[in-house]
Every structure is written in C-alpha cells, then in structure tokens.
C-alpha cells in the first residue's frame, strides 16, 4: 500500500473508529512515516548523540543484519503458509509468507494498542494492513517472490514484491499474479477488507463495549464510503484519477461521521523539519532525490549529522516520538517473531543463510 491507504484512508478509519481528529492525524501520519523513515541520522543531543532507527530500507539487495529486522515487522509480516489465499500453482510453501490478518500481525497490532501510544499504533497499523497488499510475498530475498514473465530487473529485486513493481500497492488496480491458484488480484477488495479489519480493532480500542451489531453497521458504511472514494478502476496508474481519489478522501474527512475536521495534505518532511536542523540546508531532501534514482542498489553507510531545533524540549516533538515508537515496536515485535521459531530468523542477511 502507498500513501493513499497509509495516510488518507488510515485517517478516515481512525476517525470513524472514534479517535479525535488530531489523534487520528497522528496515527495516519505515523503510519505513512513508516515508509518515509529510511534515512539514518546522528543528532547532537545534551546527553550524547541520538540515533534514529529506520523503518524502511532502500538497500534491498544487501541488507545488513540490523536492517534485516525491518521487513518482517513493518512491511511483510510472516503469516500462514497453509492459508487458502497462499495456494500456488507450483505447490511451494514458506513459513515467511505474508498472509492477510495473520496471527502474528494480530499480535503485533495488539501489542501496539496495549501501549496506548498513538505513534506506535500508527506504525503497527502500517504493517497490519500491508498483510493484505503484500500477501504471498516474503520479506527476504528469495525466488518465491519472482513473478513469471517479470523483467530481469524486477526479478533481480526479488525482496518482497519487487518483481511485481507497485502493482500490489494501488487501490484501484486489478492485476494477475500467475504464481497463485487464484491468480486474479483485485486490490480494491483487498484494501476494503484491510480497512474493515483495522477499523474493528481501533473501534474496540476506543470503546471495548461496542456491540457486534454497531461494529457491523459501521464496517458496512465504512466499506461503502471507501469504495466510493476509490472510484473507478485505474489500470494504468493515471495521476488524474489518483488526484481525484485523494480529493475524495479529504472531502470525506470533513463529514461528521469522520470527525468533521480538515485533513491536511501529507508532508513527509513536516515532523522532521519541525524537530531537526540539518548541517546543510535541505540535505535530507537532496538525499531523497538522489536515493530516488539509486535506492535499490546502495546502502547508507554513515548517519547524517544534525541537531535538534530545541535541545531541551526535543523529546516532545512528533519526529522524536515517532522514532521512539519505531524502536519500541521493533523491540516488542522481534520477541513475537522469535516466539514463532521462523527458520533463518538469526540470519546475517535476508538471503536465507543462517549465521554460523
């Protein structure tokens, strides 16, 4: 999934679930920030340098051991290899396969909700809903991820859904996954199922006493609204259709059922720039542009030096709270993964080779 779900739809889901608009915005912003938090920083701090932990990596060919913890927690949560949705024509199964609403994904979201931390709830919501969009792919480098007929470049990038490109992340796309027994993929159906599943968990967090009938009615209304907002099928990734969808999400946020507040356009640098002063003006933005050209082939070897705008109150900034939520979620969810006894979990990288 991309920003359309992780920010705009997540906001609508959280607001409809009963979170105040300002809290729903934090959840949604944190959820989208999981994808944008891919640059490492060394921030000068009164008590010593502060290092952030990234929740996305742009080096999918040569991940380090530390980065190997990113995919199965934030993007490709391991699921049930025996799930009907994972049935393949070649009969292959893998314990790392992502499947929708898997027990591991549920445990991770439950842990985040129990923390009561809005930033961590948003971070966890990202991985939870991605179990629908990223189903049948592994968060490691493996031929399991290869789509027959994919270009050699896409096949080279066979971590996650690299061989499928952005097809799994587009809300109005119908496409074919030739690996699967049920090979027709309707992203709209997947996205709506993910939205309803997340809504139920958020709504019960806000009000554990909600009745099944109330939840069912709201799920149906939410599904109908999001379906209308997604609008017509978009087989070619038309930017005009995408812009129109986003306009509908924003308009939906202003209605009473979704909090009745204005939803700001997402700015991936807003939290960072409010908290951080870089050593060179616009360095992150310039680096982002560079990584956009080479992000599949390079690794960032040195953390970027920078400083807090407020050396005293920095821990109250949204960016610091987000990074701390990412760290807390990674620690808690690593324990969940360890308990699953996944083969190769102690690997030095994502190639499947276990460390000696």
Protein backbone atom coordinates (compact mmCIF):
# COMPACT_ATOMS: atom_id res chain seq x y z
CA UNK A 1 0.00 0.00 0.00
CA UNK A 2 1.09 3.55 -0.51
CA UNK A 3 0.16 6.95 0.87
CA UNK A 4 -3.46 6.67 -0.27
CA UNK A 5 -4.13 3.98 2.30
CA UNK A 6 -1.42 4.57 4.89
CA UNK A 7 -2.23 8.25 5.36
CA UNK A 8 -5.59 9.20 3.89
CA UNK A 9 -7.59 6.01 4.42
CA UNK A 10 -5.95 5.32 7.78
CA UNK A 11 -7.07 8.75 8.93
CA UNK A 12 -10.64 8.04 7.87
CA UNK A 13 -10.58 4.64 9.55
CA UNK A 14 -9.21 6.01 12.82
CA UNK A 15 -11.61 8.97 12.86
CA UNK A 16 -14.62 6.76 12.16
CA UNK A 17 -13.40 4.40 14.92
CA UNK A 18 -13.78 7.22 17.42
CA UNK A 19 -10.38 8.86 17.67
CA UNK A 20 -10.43 12.64 17.85
CA UNK A 21 -9.32 14.23 14.54
CA UNK A 22 -5.99 15.38 15.98
CA UNK A 23 -5.30 11.86 17.27
CA UNK A 24 -6.42 10.24 14.02
CA UNK A 25 -3.98 12.52 12.19
CA UNK A 26 -1.09 11.37 14.39
CA UNK A 27 -1.97 7.72 13.75
CA UNK A 28 -2.21 8.31 9.99
CA UNK A 29 0.95 10.39 9.78
CA UNK A 30 2.89 7.79 11.76
CA UNK A 31 1.53 5.03 9.54
CA UNK A 32 2.76 6.73 6.35
CA UNK A 33 6.03 7.75 8.01
CA UNK A 34 6.99 4.08 8.26
CA UNK A 35 7.74 4.22 4.52
CA UNK A 36 9.41 7.64 4.64
CA UNK A 37 11.64 6.90 7.65
CA UNK A 38 14.52 5.39 5.65
CA UNK A 39 17.43 7.74 6.36
CA UNK A 40 19.68 7.35 9.39
CA UNK A 41 20.63 10.42 11.44
CA UNK A 42 23.06 11.20 14.22
CA UNK A 43 21.50 14.05 16.20
CA UNK A 44 23.61 16.06 18.63
CA UNK A 45 21.87 15.86 22.00
CA UNK A 46 22.67 17.07 25.53
CA UNK A 47 23.12 13.52 26.81
CA UNK A 48 25.07 12.26 23.80
CA UNK A 49 24.34 11.64 20.14
CA UNK A 50 20.85 10.35 19.36
CA UNK A 51 20.47 7.76 16.59
CA UNK A 52 17.17 7.06 14.90
CA UNK A 53 16.07 3.58 13.85
CA UNK A 54 14.76 3.32 10.32
CA UNK A 55 11.53 1.50 9.44
CA UNK A 56 12.22 1.23 5.72
CA UNK A 57 15.41 0.40 3.85
CA UNK A 58 16.29 1.40 0.34
CA UNK A 59 19.04 -1.23 0.10
CA UNK A 60 17.07 -4.36 -0.68
CA UNK A 61 19.96 -6.23 -2.30
CA UNK A 62 22.47 -6.17 0.54
CA UNK A 63 20.61 -5.64 3.82
CA UNK A 64 22.70 -5.60 6.99
CA UNK A 65 21.78 -7.71 9.99
CA UNK A 66 20.19 -4.68 11.66
CA UNK A 67 18.10 -3.85 8.60
CA UNK A 68 17.04 -7.50 8.33
CA UNK A 69 14.66 -6.79 11.20
CA UNK A 70 12.73 -4.22 9.20
CA UNK A 71 10.79 -6.21 6.60
CA UNK A 72 9.12 -8.90 8.77
CA UNK A 73 7.96 -6.31 11.31
CA UNK A 74 7.00 -3.24 9.30
CA UNK A 75 6.16 -4.47 5.79
CA UNK A 76 5.99 -8.25 5.27
CA UNK A 77 4.76 -9.82 8.50
CA UNK A 78 5.04 -13.63 8.28
CA UNK A 79 1.70 -15.41 8.14
CA UNK A 80 0.17 -18.83 7.50
CA UNK A 81 1.75 -20.82 4.63
CA UNK A 82 -1.33 -23.07 4.60
CA UNK A 83 -3.78 -20.20 4.10
CA UNK A 84 -6.02 -20.75 1.04
CA UNK A 85 -5.00 -17.33 -0.30
CA UNK A 86 -1.36 -18.51 -0.39
CA UNK A 87 -2.03 -21.58 -2.56
CA UNK A 88 0.37 -21.62 -5.51
CA UNK A 89 0.27 -23.47 -8.79
CA UNK A 90 3.70 -24.94 -8.07
CA UNK A 91 2.69 -26.02 -4.57
CA UNK A 92 5.50 -24.10 -2.83
CA UNK A 93 5.07 -23.02 0.77
CA UNK A 94 7.21 -20.84 3.00
CA UNK A 95 6.93 -20.02 6.70
CA UNK A 96 7.81 -16.38 5.93
CA UNK A 97 4.95 -15.79 3.52
CA UNK A 98 2.77 -12.76 4.25
CA UNK A 99 -0.92 -13.60 4.57
CA UNK A 100 -3.79 -11.25 5.45
CA UNK A 101 -4.76 -10.80 9.08
CA UNK A 102 -2.27 -13.43 10.22
CA UNK A 103 -1.95 -14.37 13.91
CA UNK A 104 1.50 -12.75 14.07
CA UNK A 105 0.17 -9.49 12.60
CA UNK A 106 -2.70 -9.52 15.09
CA UNK A 107 -0.26 -9.99 17.98
CA UNK A 108 1.86 -7.08 16.79
CA UNK A 109 -1.12 -4.75 16.50
CA UNK A 110 -2.50 -5.90 19.86
CA UNK A 111 0.86 -5.09 21.45
CA UNK A 112 0.84 -1.60 19.95
CA UNK A 113 -2.73 -0.91 21.02
CA UNK A 114 -1.94 -2.05 24.55
CA UNK A 115 0.82 0.57 24.72
CA UNK A 116 -1.73 3.34 24.18
CA UNK A 117 0.94 5.21 22.18
CA UNK A 118 -0.69 6.87 19.15
CA UNK A 119 2.56 6.92 17.20
CA UNK A 120 3.17 3.22 17.78
CA UNK A 121 -0.45 2.41 16.92
CA UNK A 122 0.10 4.15 13.57
CA UNK A 123 3.39 2.35 12.99
CA UNK A 124 1.76 -1.00 13.70
CA UNK A 125 -1.28 -0.19 11.57
CA UNK A 126 1.06 0.12 8.59
CA UNK A 127 2.36 -3.42 8.88
CA UNK A 128 -1.04 -4.84 9.77
CA UNK A 129 -2.84 -3.56 6.66
CA UNK A 130 0.15 -4.41 4.47
CA UNK A 131 -0.56 -8.08 5.19
CA UNK A 132 -3.39 -7.70 2.67
CA UNK A 133 -1.50 -5.75 0.00
CA UNK A 134 1.75 -7.70 0.41
CA UNK A 135 0.25 -11.14 0.75
CA UNK A 136 2.08 -14.01 -0.95
CA UNK A 137 5.43 -12.25 -0.82
CA UNK A 138 8.33 -12.76 1.60
CA UNK A 139 10.20 -10.01 3.41
CA UNK A 140 13.50 -11.55 2.33
CA UNK A 141 15.38 -12.19 -0.88
CA UNK A 142 14.01 -15.41 -2.37
CA UNK A 143 12.86 -16.84 -5.70
CA UNK A 144 9.48 -17.38 -4.02
CA UNK A 145 8.85 -13.70 -4.81
CA UNK A 146 9.52 -14.00 -8.55
CA UNK A 147 6.58 -13.43 -10.88
CA UNK A 148 6.78 -15.42 -14.11
CA UNK A 149 7.27 -13.06 -17.01
CA UNK A 150 8.71 -10.23 -14.92
CA UNK A 151 11.63 -8.32 -16.41
CA UNK A 152 15.11 -9.39 -15.36
CA UNK A 153 15.50 -6.11 -13.47
CA UNK A 154 12.39 -6.74 -11.40
CA UNK A 155 13.40 -10.34 -10.82
CA UNK A 156 16.78 -9.13 -9.57
CA UNK A 157 14.92 -7.13 -6.93
CA UNK A 158 13.22 -10.19 -5.50
CA UNK A 159 12.84 -8.99 -1.94
CA UNK A 160 9.16 -8.51 -1.15
CA UNK A 161 7.07 -7.56 -4.19
CA UNK A 162 9.96 -6.12 -6.20
CA UNK A 163 9.17 -8.35 -9.16
CA UNK A 164 5.58 -7.06 -9.16
CA UNK A 165 6.61 -3.43 -9.00
CA UNK A 166 3.96 -1.16 -7.48
CA UNK A 167 1.01 -3.25 -8.58
CA UNK A 168 0.16 -4.58 -5.08
CA UNK A 169 0.03 -1.03 -3.66
CA UNK A 170 -2.50 0.61 -5.99
CA UNK A 171 -6.07 0.73 -4.61
CA UNK A 172 -7.99 0.71 -7.91
CA UNK A 173 -5.98 -1.91 -9.78
CA UNK A 174 -6.94 -5.40 -10.92
CA UNK A 175 -3.92 -7.47 -11.94
CA UNK A 176 -2.71 -11.04 -12.34
CA UNK A 177 -0.33 -12.96 -10.07
CA UNK A 178 0.50 -16.02 -12.18
CA UNK A 179 2.07 -17.84 -9.22
CA UNK A 180 -1.26 -18.31 -7.48
CA UNK A 181 -4.08 -20.80 -7.90
CA UNK A 182 -6.48 -17.85 -7.63
CA UNK A 183 -4.43 -15.55 -9.84
CA UNK A 184 -6.82 -12.63 -10.40
CA UNK A 185 -5.97 -9.95 -7.86
CA UNK A 186 -8.48 -7.22 -7.04
CA UNK A 187 -6.66 -4.64 -4.92
CA UNK A 188 -9.90 -2.81 -4.13
CA UNK A 189 -11.30 -5.90 -2.39
CA UNK A 190 -8.06 -6.42 -0.50
CA UNK A 191 -7.90 -2.79 0.61
CA UNK A 192 -11.51 -2.73 1.79
CA UNK A 193 -11.00 -5.93 3.79
CA UNK A 194 -7.90 -4.40 5.39
CA UNK A 195 -9.78 -1.19 6.19
CA UNK A 196 -12.60 -3.02 7.90
CA UNK A 197 -10.26 -5.25 9.90
CA UNK A 198 -8.24 -2.26 11.12
CA UNK A 199 -11.41 -0.34 11.89
CA UNK A 200 -12.76 -3.10 14.15
CA UNK A 201 -9.57 -3.20 16.19
CA UNK A 202 -9.33 0.58 16.52
CA UNK A 203 -13.01 0.95 17.36
CA UNK A 204 -12.82 -1.70 20.10
CA UNK A 205 -9.72 0.01 21.46
CA UNK A 206 -11.63 3.29 21.75
CA UNK A 207 -14.75 1.60 23.12
CA UNK A 208 -14.38 -2.05 24.18
CA UNK A 209 -18.11 -2.19 24.95
CA UNK A 210 -19.24 -1.64 21.36
CA UNK A 211 -21.78 -4.20 20.21
CA UNK A 212 -21.25 -6.53 17.28
CA UNK A 213 -24.26 -5.00 15.56
CA UNK A 214 -22.80 -1.49 15.89
CA UNK A 215 -19.43 -2.62 14.56
CA UNK A 216 -21.02 -4.44 11.65
CA UNK A 217 -23.10 -1.41 10.68
CA UNK A 218 -20.10 0.91 10.82
CA UNK A 219 -17.95 -1.57 8.87
CA UNK A 220 -20.55 -1.68 6.12
CA UNK A 221 -20.78 2.11 5.99
CA UNK A 222 -17.00 2.50 6.01
CA UNK A 223 -16.62 -0.04 3.22
CA UNK A 224 -19.25 1.67 1.09
CA UNK A 225 -17.67 5.10 1.64
CA UNK A 226 -14.12 3.98 0.84
CA UNK A 227 -15.31 2.04 -2.18
CA UNK A 228 -16.97 5.21 -3.49
CA UNK A 229 -13.86 7.25 -2.74
CA UNK A 230 -11.60 4.80 -4.58
CA UNK A 231 -13.90 5.29 -7.54
CA UNK A 232 -13.36 3.78 -10.98
CA UNK A 233 -10.77 1.15 -11.79
CA UNK A 234 -7.39 2.60 -12.61
CA UNK A 235 -5.49 0.08 -14.77
CA UNK A 236 -2.79 2.49 -15.90
CA UNK A 237 -1.91 4.41 -12.73
CA UNK A 238 -3.47 7.61 -14.03
CA UNK A 239 -2.29 10.60 -11.99
CA UNK A 240 -5.53 12.49 -12.59
CA UNK A 241 -7.52 9.60 -11.11
CA UNK A 242 -5.14 9.42 -8.15
CA UNK A 243 -5.52 13.16 -7.52
CA UNK A 244 -9.30 12.80 -7.66
CA UNK A 245 -9.23 9.92 -5.16
CA UNK A 246 -7.19 11.94 -2.70
CA UNK A 247 -9.60 14.85 -3.06
CA UNK A 248 -12.46 12.50 -2.18
CA UNK A 249 -10.64 11.22 0.92
CA UNK A 250 -10.06 14.80 2.08
CA UNK A 251 -13.69 15.70 1.46
CA UNK A 252 -14.81 12.59 3.36
CA UNK A 253 -12.75 13.65 6.39
CA UNK A 254 -14.79 16.84 6.65
CA UNK A 255 -18.05 14.92 7.15
CA UNK A 256 -19.48 14.31 10.60
CA UNK A 257 -19.00 10.53 10.59
CA UNK A 258 -15.26 11.03 10.04
CA UNK A 259 -14.59 13.74 12.59
CA UNK A 260 -15.74 16.78 10.63
CA UNK A 261 -12.26 18.32 10.50
CA UNK A 262 -9.99 19.46 7.69
CA UNK A 263 -7.41 16.85 6.75
CA UNK A 264 -4.07 18.37 5.82
CA UNK A 265 -2.17 17.21 2.77
CA UNK A 266 0.56 14.84 3.92
CA UNK A 267 4.02 16.38 4.12
CA UNK A 268 6.71 13.75 4.69
CA UNK A 269 9.18 16.39 5.94
CA UNK A 270 6.84 18.21 8.34
CA UNK A 271 7.69 16.33 11.53
CA UNK A 272 11.38 16.07 10.69
CA UNK A 273 11.83 19.73 9.79
CA UNK A 274 9.97 20.86 12.92
CA UNK A 275 12.41 18.92 15.09
CA UNK A 276 15.74 18.92 13.25
CA UNK A 277 18.27 21.40 11.91
CA UNK A 278 20.49 19.77 9.27
CA UNK A 279 24.17 20.54 8.82
CA UNK A 280 23.46 21.58 5.22
CA UNK A 281 20.17 23.19 4.22
CA UNK A 282 17.83 20.75 2.55
CA UNK A 283 20.30 17.85 2.85
CA UNK A 284 17.62 15.26 3.51
CA UNK A 285 15.54 16.46 0.60
CA UNK A 286 18.58 16.38 -1.70
CA UNK A 287 19.49 12.92 -0.48
CA UNK A 288 15.94 11.75 -1.05
CA UNK A 289 16.15 12.90 -4.65
CA UNK A 290 19.41 11.02 -5.10
CA UNK A 291 18.08 7.88 -3.46
CA UNK A 292 15.10 8.06 -5.76
CA UNK A 293 17.47 7.27 -8.62
CA UNK A 294 19.66 4.65 -6.93
CA UNK A 295 17.75 3.42 -3.90
CA UNK A 296 17.67 -0.23 -4.97
CA UNK A 297 21.44 -0.54 -5.24
CA UNK A 298 23.11 1.41 -2.43
CA UNK A 299 23.26 1.40 1.33
CA UNK A 300 23.68 4.44 3.54
CA UNK A 301 26.89 3.72 5.42
CA UNK A 302 27.13 6.89 7.52
CA UNK A 303 24.41 8.53 9.58
CA UNK A 304 23.76 12.16 8.61
CA UNK A 305 24.84 14.63 11.34
CA UNK A 306 22.28 17.17 12.50
CA UNK A 307 20.98 18.99 15.59
CA UNK A 308 17.73 19.49 17.46
CA UNK A 309 15.95 22.78 16.95
CA UNK A 310 15.10 22.66 20.65
CA UNK A 311 17.89 20.88 22.57
CA UNK A 312 15.79 20.91 25.73
CA UNK A 313 12.29 20.01 24.57
CA UNK A 314 13.17 17.80 21.59
CA UNK A 315 11.59 14.76 23.21
CA UNK A 316 8.20 16.41 22.82
CA UNK A 317 8.48 16.69 19.04
CA UNK A 318 6.45 14.45 16.74
CA UNK A 319 9.59 13.18 14.98
CA UNK A 320 11.25 12.07 18.21
CA UNK A 321 8.05 10.41 19.37
CA UNK A 322 7.75 8.63 16.02
CA UNK A 323 11.32 7.32 16.13
CA UNK A 324 10.90 6.17 19.72
CA UNK A 325 7.69 4.39 18.70
CA UNK A 326 9.52 2.66 15.83
CA UNK A 327 12.22 1.50 18.26
CA UNK A 328 9.70 0.28 20.84
CA UNK A 329 7.66 -1.54 18.21
CA UNK A 330 10.72 -3.23 16.72
CA UNK A 331 11.84 -4.48 20.14
CA UNK A 332 8.40 -5.80 21.11
CA UNK A 333 7.73 -7.41 17.75
CA UNK A 334 11.13 -9.04 17.49
CA UNK A 335 10.19 -11.03 20.60
CA UNK A 336 6.93 -12.02 18.89
CA UNK A 337 8.86 -13.24 15.83
CA UNK A 338 11.36 -15.16 17.96
CA UNK A 339 8.48 -16.98 19.63
CA UNK A 340 7.34 -18.14 16.18
CA UNK A 341 10.62 -20.04 15.61
CA UNK A 342 10.84 -18.91 11.99
CA UNK A 343 13.60 -20.66 10.05
CA UNK A 344 16.55 -18.37 9.34
CA UNK A 345 15.46 -15.66 11.77
CA UNK A 346 19.02 -15.34 13.04
CA UNK A 347 20.43 -14.79 9.57
CA UNK A 348 23.11 -12.22 8.86
CA UNK A 349 21.05 -11.03 5.91
CA UNK A 350 17.81 -11.84 4.11
CA UNK A 351 19.24 -14.46 1.80
CA UNK A 352 18.19 -17.37 3.99
CA UNK A 353 21.71 -18.29 5.14
CA UNK A 354 21.78 -18.72 8.93
CA UNK A 355 24.64 -17.10 10.78
CA UNK A 356 27.33 -19.58 11.80
